[in-house]
Protein backbone atom coordinates (compact mmCIF):
# COMPACT_ATOMS: atom_id res chain seq x y z
CA UNK A 1 53.96 -7.02 191.29
CA UNK A 2 54.07 -10.91 191.63
CA UNK A 3 52.56 -13.74 189.20
CA UNK A 4 50.25 -13.78 190.62
CA UNK A 5 48.71 -10.67 190.67
CA UNK A 6 49.48 -10.31 186.55
CA UNK A 7 47.03 -13.34 186.42
CA UNK A 8 44.50 -12.00 188.25
CA UNK A 9 44.41 -8.86 186.39
CA UNK A 10 44.30 -10.71 183.28
CA UNK A 11 41.14 -12.87 184.64
CA UNK A 12 39.21 -9.54 185.37
CA UNK A 13 40.14 -7.93 182.07
CA UNK A 14 38.95 -11.30 180.12
CA UNK A 15 36.41 -12.89 181.84
CA UNK A 16 32.99 -11.37 180.87
CA UNK A 17 30.52 -12.65 183.67
CA UNK A 18 30.47 -11.18 187.03
CA UNK A 19 27.66 -10.28 189.52
CA UNK A 20 26.78 -6.66 190.22
CA UNK A 21 26.34 -5.78 192.93
CA UNK A 22 24.72 -1.84 193.71
CA UNK A 23 23.85 -0.78 196.76
CA UNK A 24 23.97 2.80 199.45
CA UNK A 25 23.67 2.62 202.78
CA UNK A 26 20.25 0.85 202.96
CA UNK A 27 18.80 -1.43 200.03
CA UNK A 28 15.94 -4.00 199.91
CA UNK A 29 16.29 -6.68 198.23
CA UNK A 30 13.24 -9.15 197.28
CA UNK A 31 12.38 -8.32 201.51
CA UNK A 32 15.73 -8.43 202.87
CA UNK A 33 17.24 -4.88 204.31
CA UNK A 34 20.64 -4.34 203.78
CA UNK A 35 22.39 -2.06 206.34
CA UNK A 36 25.89 -1.24 206.05
CA UNK A 37 28.18 -2.70 208.61
CA UNK A 38 31.16 -0.46 208.29
CA UNK A 39 33.59 1.69 205.94
CA UNK A 40 37.09 0.82 204.55
CA UNK A 41 38.58 3.87 203.53
CA UNK A 42 41.24 2.81 200.85
CA UNK A 43 41.17 6.78 199.27
CA UNK A 44 43.51 7.47 202.51
CA UNK A 45 45.52 4.57 203.63
CA UNK A 46 48.95 5.88 203.98
CA UNK A 47 50.37 2.32 203.96
CA UNK A 48 52.55 2.79 207.05
CA UNK A 49 51.31 -0.50 208.37
CA UNK A 50 52.73 -3.93 207.00
CA UNK A 51 51.25 -6.92 206.38
CA UNK A 52 54.95 -8.96 208.04
CA UNK A 53 53.79 -7.47 211.69
CA UNK A 54 50.51 -9.49 211.38
CA UNK A 55 51.37 -12.75 209.88
CA UNK A 56 52.69 -15.39 212.61
CA UNK A 57 54.52 -17.63 210.44
CA UNK A 58 54.77 -18.65 206.62
CA UNK A 59 54.38 -22.60 206.15
CA UNK A 60 55.24 -24.76 202.93
CA UNK A 61 52.86 -27.85 202.37
CA UNK A 62 54.41 -29.86 199.57
CA UNK A 63 51.63 -30.91 197.13
CA UNK A 64 53.07 -34.28 196.37
CA UNK A 65 52.75 -35.57 193.38
CA UNK A 66 52.36 -32.42 191.22
CA UNK A 67 55.57 -32.83 189.82
CA UNK A 68 54.17 -35.65 187.74
CA UNK A 69 50.23 -34.63 187.57
CA UNK A 70 51.40 -30.63 187.39
CA UNK A 71 48.91 -27.95 188.20
CA UNK A 72 48.77 -25.59 185.24
CA UNK A 73 46.40 -23.05 186.74
CA UNK A 74 44.50 -22.24 190.26
CA UNK A 75 41.04 -21.20 189.02
CA UNK A 76 39.47 -22.13 192.77
CA UNK A 77 41.09 -23.63 196.05
CA UNK A 78 39.09 -24.79 198.86
CA UNK A 79 40.95 -26.06 201.94
CA UNK A 80 38.74 -28.03 204.76
CA UNK A 81 39.62 -29.83 207.68
CA UNK A 82 39.22 -32.91 205.15
CA UNK A 83 41.69 -31.81 202.39
CA UNK A 84 42.81 -29.40 199.45
CA UNK A 85 41.07 -28.75 196.55
CA UNK A 86 42.19 -27.07 193.37
CA UNK A 87 40.49 -26.51 190.33
CA UNK A 88 42.25 -26.43 187.29
CA UNK A 89 40.15 -24.89 184.16
CA UNK A 90 43.00 -24.82 181.42
CA UNK A 91 42.70 -28.75 182.27
CA UNK A 92 39.52 -29.29 182.78
CA UNK A 93 40.52 -31.17 186.25
CA UNK A 94 40.09 -31.02 189.73
CA UNK A 95 43.43 -32.09 192.01
CA UNK A 96 42.62 -33.21 195.92
CA UNK A 97 45.28 -33.34 198.22
CA UNK A 98 45.46 -34.57 202.25
CA UNK A 99 46.46 -31.59 204.29
CA UNK A 100 49.35 -32.78 204.78
CA UNK A 101 50.05 -32.73 201.06
CA UNK A 102 49.77 -36.20 199.95
CA UNK A 103 47.45 -36.96 196.93
CA UNK A 104 44.10 -38.19 197.48
CA UNK A 105 42.84 -37.94 193.52
CA UNK A 106 42.64 -35.94 190.63
CA UNK A 107 39.42 -36.09 188.77
CA UNK A 108 40.68 -35.95 185.21
CA UNK A 109 39.73 -34.11 181.91
CA UNK A 110 35.96 -35.71 181.56
CA UNK A 111 35.69 -37.09 184.89
CA UNK A 112 35.56 -41.23 185.34
CA UNK A 113 33.27 -42.10 182.44
CA UNK A 114 33.08 -40.29 178.88
CA UNK A 115 31.29 -36.95 178.59
CA UNK A 116 30.51 -37.73 182.63
CA UNK A 117 31.27 -33.73 182.67
CA UNK A 118 32.12 -31.90 180.05
CA UNK A 119 33.60 -28.34 182.33
CA UNK A 120 34.01 -27.62 185.77
CA UNK A 121 32.64 -24.20 186.13
CA UNK A 122 32.85 -23.94 190.07
CA UNK A 123 33.30 -26.21 192.66
CA UNK A 124 31.99 -26.88 196.42
CA UNK A 125 33.16 -28.86 199.23
CA UNK A 126 31.54 -30.34 202.26
CA UNK A 127 33.02 -33.16 204.85
CA UNK A 128 32.02 -35.91 202.57
CA UNK A 129 31.07 -34.56 198.93
CA UNK A 130 32.68 -32.69 196.25
CA UNK A 131 30.19 -31.36 193.66
CA UNK A 132 31.28 -30.26 190.39
CA UNK A 133 29.24 -27.72 188.17
CA UNK A 134 28.72 -28.33 184.56
CA UNK A 135 27.37 -25.36 183.01
CA UNK A 136 27.48 -26.50 179.66
CA UNK A 137 25.58 -29.86 180.64
CA UNK A 138 23.28 -28.11 182.97
CA UNK A 139 24.34 -30.26 185.58
CA UNK A 140 26.09 -30.79 188.82
CA UNK A 141 28.13 -33.79 189.53
CA UNK A 142 28.48 -35.36 193.06
CA UNK A 143 31.83 -37.21 194.40
CA UNK A 144 33.24 -38.75 197.68
CA UNK A 145 35.96 -35.91 198.97
CA UNK A 146 38.05 -38.42 200.37
CA UNK A 147 38.69 -40.30 196.68
CA UNK A 148 36.54 -39.56 194.03
CA UNK A 149 34.18 -41.80 193.70
CA UNK A 150 31.15 -40.95 192.00
CA UNK A 151 28.22 -40.71 193.83
CA UNK A 152 25.00 -38.54 191.79
CA UNK A 153 24.14 -36.44 189.20
CA UNK A 154 21.32 -32.99 189.92
CA UNK A 155 19.95 -30.81 187.93
CA UNK A 156 21.42 -27.67 187.53
CA UNK A 157 18.93 -25.09 188.41
CA UNK A 158 20.92 -22.02 186.97
CA UNK A 159 23.82 -21.03 185.10
CA UNK A 160 26.30 -21.20 188.59
CA UNK A 161 29.21 -18.76 188.68
CA UNK A 162 29.96 -19.72 192.48
CA UNK A 163 28.49 -22.26 194.95
CA UNK A 164 29.18 -22.75 198.67
CA UNK A 165 27.39 -25.40 200.81
CA UNK A 166 25.47 -23.80 203.92
CA UNK A 167 25.05 -25.58 207.31
CA UNK A 168 21.75 -26.36 207.05
CA UNK A 169 22.44 -28.66 204.38
CA UNK A 170 21.59 -26.52 201.45
CA UNK A 171 23.63 -24.74 199.16
CA UNK A 172 24.13 -20.99 197.78
CA UNK A 173 24.42 -20.31 194.17
CA UNK A 174 25.76 -17.02 192.21
CA UNK A 175 24.12 -17.18 188.62
CA UNK A 176 26.42 -16.25 186.08
CA UNK A 177 25.18 -13.28 184.42
CA UNK A 178 27.41 -13.27 181.08
CA UNK A 179 25.58 -10.95 178.50
CA UNK A 180 23.74 -12.98 175.42
CA UNK A 181 23.90 -15.84 177.70
CA UNK A 182 20.32 -17.65 177.65
CA UNK A 183 20.08 -19.03 181.01
CA UNK A 184 18.16 -21.60 182.37
CA UNK A 185 14.47 -21.05 183.11
CA UNK A 186 14.81 -20.64 187.23
CA UNK A 187 17.22 -17.94 186.50
CA UNK A 188 14.54 -14.95 187.74
CA UNK A 189 16.33 -12.10 187.96
CA UNK A 190 18.11 -12.09 191.00
CA UNK A 191 21.68 -12.87 191.46
CA UNK A 192 21.68 -15.09 194.48
CA UNK A 193 19.70 -18.34 194.42
CA UNK A 194 19.02 -20.46 198.06
CA UNK A 195 18.72 -24.31 196.71
CA UNK A 196 18.00 -27.68 199.36
CA UNK A 197 20.29 -30.34 199.58
CA UNK A 198 18.93 -31.79 196.19
CA UNK A 199 19.91 -28.25 194.48
CA UNK A 200 16.02 -27.33 194.14
CA UNK A 201 14.96 -23.55 194.37
CA UNK A 202 14.06 -22.37 197.83
CA UNK A 203 14.06 -18.44 197.19
CA UNK A 204 16.62 -16.02 195.23
CA UNK A 205 18.07 -12.85 196.30
CA UNK A 206 19.82 -9.45 195.19
CA UNK A 207 17.99 -7.94 192.11
CA UNK A 208 19.86 -6.66 188.98
CA UNK A 209 19.83 -3.04 188.23
CA UNK A 210 18.56 -3.11 184.73
CA UNK A 211 21.45 -5.09 183.21
CA UNK A 212 23.76 -7.85 183.35
CA UNK A 213 27.43 -7.37 183.72
CA UNK A 214 30.87 -6.62 181.52
CA UNK A 215 33.40 -7.02 183.52
CA UNK A 216 34.43 -9.99 184.67
CA UNK A 217 35.80 -11.06 188.50
CA UNK A 218 37.55 -13.97 189.22
CA UNK A 219 36.13 -15.15 191.97
CA UNK A 220 32.43 -14.63 193.17
CA UNK A 221 31.91 -15.96 196.31
CA UNK A 222 34.07 -16.82 199.30
CA UNK A 223 33.68 -18.36 202.67
CA UNK A 224 35.04 -19.17 206.83
CA UNK A 225 33.75 -20.62 209.20
CA UNK A 226 30.23 -18.32 209.87
CA UNK A 227 30.13 -15.84 206.77
CA UNK A 228 29.96 -16.28 203.16
CA UNK A 229 31.57 -13.24 201.12
CA UNK A 230 30.26 -12.17 197.98
CA UNK A 231 31.05 -9.28 195.66
CA UNK A 232 31.40 -8.25 191.86
CA UNK A 233 33.38 -5.44 189.84
CA UNK A 234 31.15 -2.73 190.04
CA UNK A 235 29.85 -2.79 193.76
CA UNK A 236 32.53 -0.63 195.79
CA UNK A 237 32.02 -3.05 198.38
CA UNK A 238 31.17 -6.37 199.26
CA UNK A 239 28.45 -7.88 201.25
CA UNK A 240 28.30 -10.61 204.31
CA UNK A 241 25.85 -13.30 204.21
CA UNK A 242 25.34 -16.13 207.27
CA UNK A 243 26.80 -19.28 206.13
CA UNK A 244 24.33 -21.02 207.95
CA UNK A 245 21.08 -20.46 206.09
CA UNK A 246 22.25 -17.99 203.32
CA UNK A 247 20.35 -14.90 205.23
CA UNK A 248 21.99 -11.69 204.88
CA UNK A 249 23.94 -9.84 207.43
CA UNK A 250 25.01 -6.73 205.76
CA UNK A 251 27.37 -4.61 203.58
CA UNK A 252 31.06 -3.15 203.64
CA UNK A 253 31.51 -0.59 201.56
CA UNK A 254 35.38 0.39 200.21
CA UNK A 255 36.15 3.48 199.81
CA UNK A 256 38.75 4.51 197.03
CA UNK A 257 40.29 7.61 195.25
CA UNK A 258 38.60 6.91 191.66
CA UNK A 259 35.70 4.40 192.19
CA UNK A 260 34.09 2.08 189.89
CA UNK A 261 31.56 3.53 188.02
CA UNK A 262 29.01 0.78 186.42
CA UNK A 263 26.75 3.29 184.86
CA UNK A 264 29.45 5.28 182.56
CA UNK A 265 30.07 1.49 180.60
CA UNK A 266 26.35 0.50 180.74
CA UNK A 267 25.37 1.75 176.88
CA UNK A 268 29.08 -0.02 175.48
CA UNK A 269 30.01 -2.92 173.98
CA UNK A 270 32.17 -5.31 176.12
CA UNK A 271 35.14 -4.42 175.05
CA UNK A 272 35.38 -1.04 174.94
CA UNK A 273 33.85 -0.94 177.92
CA UNK A 274 37.16 -3.50 179.33
CA UNK A 275 39.14 -0.51 177.28
CA UNK A 276 37.33 2.22 179.19
CA UNK A 277 38.12 0.81 182.73
CA UNK A 278 41.56 0.79 181.82
CA UNK A 279 41.84 4.45 181.16
CA UNK A 280 39.75 6.02 183.69
CA UNK A 281 42.37 4.05 186.42
CA UNK A 282 39.75 3.35 188.53
CA UNK A 283 40.61 1.90 191.94
CA UNK A 284 38.00 -1.32 192.94
CA UNK A 285 37.82 -4.93 194.32
CA UNK A 286 39.51 -7.24 191.37
CA UNK A 287 38.24 -10.40 193.49
CA UNK A 288 35.65 -11.01 196.20
CA UNK A 289 37.43 -10.45 199.82
CA UNK A 290 38.50 -13.60 201.58
CA UNK A 291 38.30 -13.52 205.58
CA UNK A 292 40.42 -15.35 207.86
CA UNK A 293 39.43 -14.50 211.55
CA UNK A 294 39.23 -11.26 212.09
CA UNK A 295 40.95 -10.27 208.74
CA UNK A 296 39.72 -9.64 205.85
CA UNK A 297 42.10 -9.64 202.42
CA UNK A 298 41.28 -6.73 200.12
CA UNK A 299 42.69 -7.12 196.16
CA UNK A 300 42.44 -3.18 195.01
CA UNK A 301 43.27 -2.37 191.49
CA UNK A 302 45.43 0.59 191.96
CA UNK A 303 47.18 2.25 188.99
CA UNK A 304 48.89 -1.32 186.75
CA UNK A 305 49.22 -2.88 190.43
CA UNK A 306 46.51 -5.31 192.31
CA UNK A 307 48.22 -5.74 195.61
CA UNK A 308 47.15 -7.30 198.66
CA UNK A 309 46.07 -5.55 201.42
CA UNK A 310 44.60 -7.09 205.13
CA UNK A 311 41.83 -5.20 206.96
CA UNK A 312 41.51 -5.78 210.61
CA UNK A 313 38.25 -5.48 211.43
CA UNK A 314 38.89 -4.56 215.46
CA UNK A 315 41.21 -2.04 215.07
CA UNK A 316 39.90 -0.81 211.52
CA UNK A 317 43.72 -0.53 210.54
CA UNK A 318 44.92 -1.08 206.57
CA UNK A 319 48.11 -3.05 206.67
CA UNK A 320 50.10 -3.09 202.91
CA UNK A 321 52.93 -5.22 201.90
CA UNK A 322 56.75 -4.22 202.73
CA UNK A 323 58.23 -2.14 200.14
CA UNK A 324 62.03 -3.00 201.55
CA UNK A 325 61.58 -6.58 202.08
CA UNK A 326 59.71 -9.74 200.54
CA UNK A 327 59.50 -11.70 204.02
CA UNK A 328 56.31 -12.55 205.33
CA UNK A 329 54.75 -10.42 202.34
CA UNK A 330 51.72 -12.18 201.25
CA UNK A 331 51.30 -13.04 197.51
CA UNK A 332 47.12 -12.55 196.70
CA UNK A 333 45.32 -15.73 198.36
CA UNK A 334 43.68 -18.56 196.56
CA UNK A 335 41.38 -19.56 199.62
CA UNK A 336 41.02 -18.22 203.56
CA UNK A 337 40.27 -20.93 206.46
CA UNK A 338 40.40 -20.64 210.04
CA UNK A 339 43.03 -17.66 211.22
CA UNK A 340 44.85 -18.60 207.54
CA UNK A 341 45.33 -17.42 204.07
CA UNK A 342 46.59 -20.16 201.38
CA UNK A 343 48.23 -19.62 198.14
CA UNK A 344 49.04 -22.46 195.65
CA UNK A 345 52.83 -21.26 195.02
CA UNK A 346 53.63 -23.42 191.29
CA UNK A 347 55.59 -20.29 189.80
CA UNK A 348 59.44 -22.50 189.12
CA UNK A 349 62.63 -21.89 190.54
CA UNK A 350 63.43 -18.93 188.80
CA UNK A 351 60.67 -16.91 190.12
CA UNK A 352 61.73 -18.10 193.61
CA UNK A 353 64.81 -17.25 193.21
CA UNK A 354 63.75 -13.59 192.29
CA UNK A 355 61.80 -13.52 195.48
CA UNK A 356 64.32 -14.88 197.64
CA UNK A 357 66.86 -11.75 196.28
CA UNK A 358 64.70 -9.93 197.55
CA UNK A 359 63.89 -11.18 200.99
CA UNK A 360 61.14 -13.77 200.67
CA UNK A 361 61.01 -16.76 203.44
CA UNK A 362 63.11 -19.53 201.89
CA UNK A 363 60.80 -22.94 201.81
CA UNK A 364 62.22 -26.03 203.33
CA UNK A 365 64.33 -28.33 201.21
CA UNK A 366 61.47 -31.04 200.11
CA UNK A 367 59.25 -27.89 199.14
CA UNK A 368 62.15 -26.43 197.15
CA UNK A 369 62.95 -28.91 194.96
CA UNK A 370 59.17 -29.32 194.01
CA UNK A 371 58.98 -25.90 193.31
CA UNK A 372 62.08 -26.13 191.07
CA UNK A 373 60.75 -28.93 189.12
CA UNK A 374 57.60 -27.43 188.21
CA UNK A 375 55.47 -28.92 191.23
CA UNK A 376 53.48 -26.85 193.73
CA UNK A 377 53.05 -26.18 197.33
CA UNK A 378 50.55 -24.69 199.09
CA UNK A 379 51.56 -21.52 201.49
CA UNK A 380 49.84 -21.36 204.47
CA UNK A 381 49.79 -17.56 206.22
CA UNK A 382 49.25 -18.21 209.70
CA UNK A 383 47.90 -14.49 210.70
CA UNK A 384 48.48 -13.40 214.32
CA UNK A 385 45.91 -14.17 217.15
CA UNK A 386 45.60 -11.25 220.03
């Protein structure tokens, strides 16, 4: 089990805010019929198919400047045509790099001016802009994606847990449904909100099922090409949403031997609910899946681990990491873009040596030096194309 996996599990148990989706084969949500597209059967997977057989190559992209300006945590990664954007909540920073790893800019703890933002809850990136959500300040700030220069500020319509741009110029917002937190007045009991380019709410979808959530999820939304993926702890599966206009495409069920049962923890306090989930040893998605081409990366909590596995939508096969050699084995990804999965590798030289001893891919000299000097590199897992 890697350090990245340990951090994911810690975040799952520690965060107390997540969107809970509950649906059967068909469900109506504010006029939207949601049907099951297909099912992924994790419960009977024999793990005979290995991830290295579908990985074309692993590339190490040095993040220049990350030694002098270290990245202490990776709370969100967004890779685009324009660059690489890393949210570090611990230091309240946004690190931006070009596609080849040169540092573009860093937005520091309070932005360019005093109290420009109080926190960075989540980010969205378009071709021209980076949007920073500040839930404490109840606003969304817009910056240039190539230089980090402040452009303008918008009022945040809800408490936002995740945000993604839509192809029509608008945005999809996932509410942050923390128990005990007073939501902004635009919150109407639904989980997802469709907004225009000025963050004015146009409509909302996916109502809560009687209560807000207790157990958190590291990532609420992921996106790639034409699809946005949405999930939450408590729903054994995920939903596909159109990245053009925010309309639902359908649901995907992930069947496990011991599925998460939200009803059993509904009346518990948060602490007891977290302990109960650990004791029951449920198998469930620890974070929203990511999609790279035909491949979907799932991270399922199974016993004490949450190793990533890959589902091939075309063949219907599940692929798992090789238990013999770590060569081309996948670390839990932070983002997916195009036909690749991406991971920010900032684990240090000692951890790298342990992985190399087990057959992990050896980085080039520049990347190796950055890792051993407590900097970061970006791993790109380029997947095979039929």
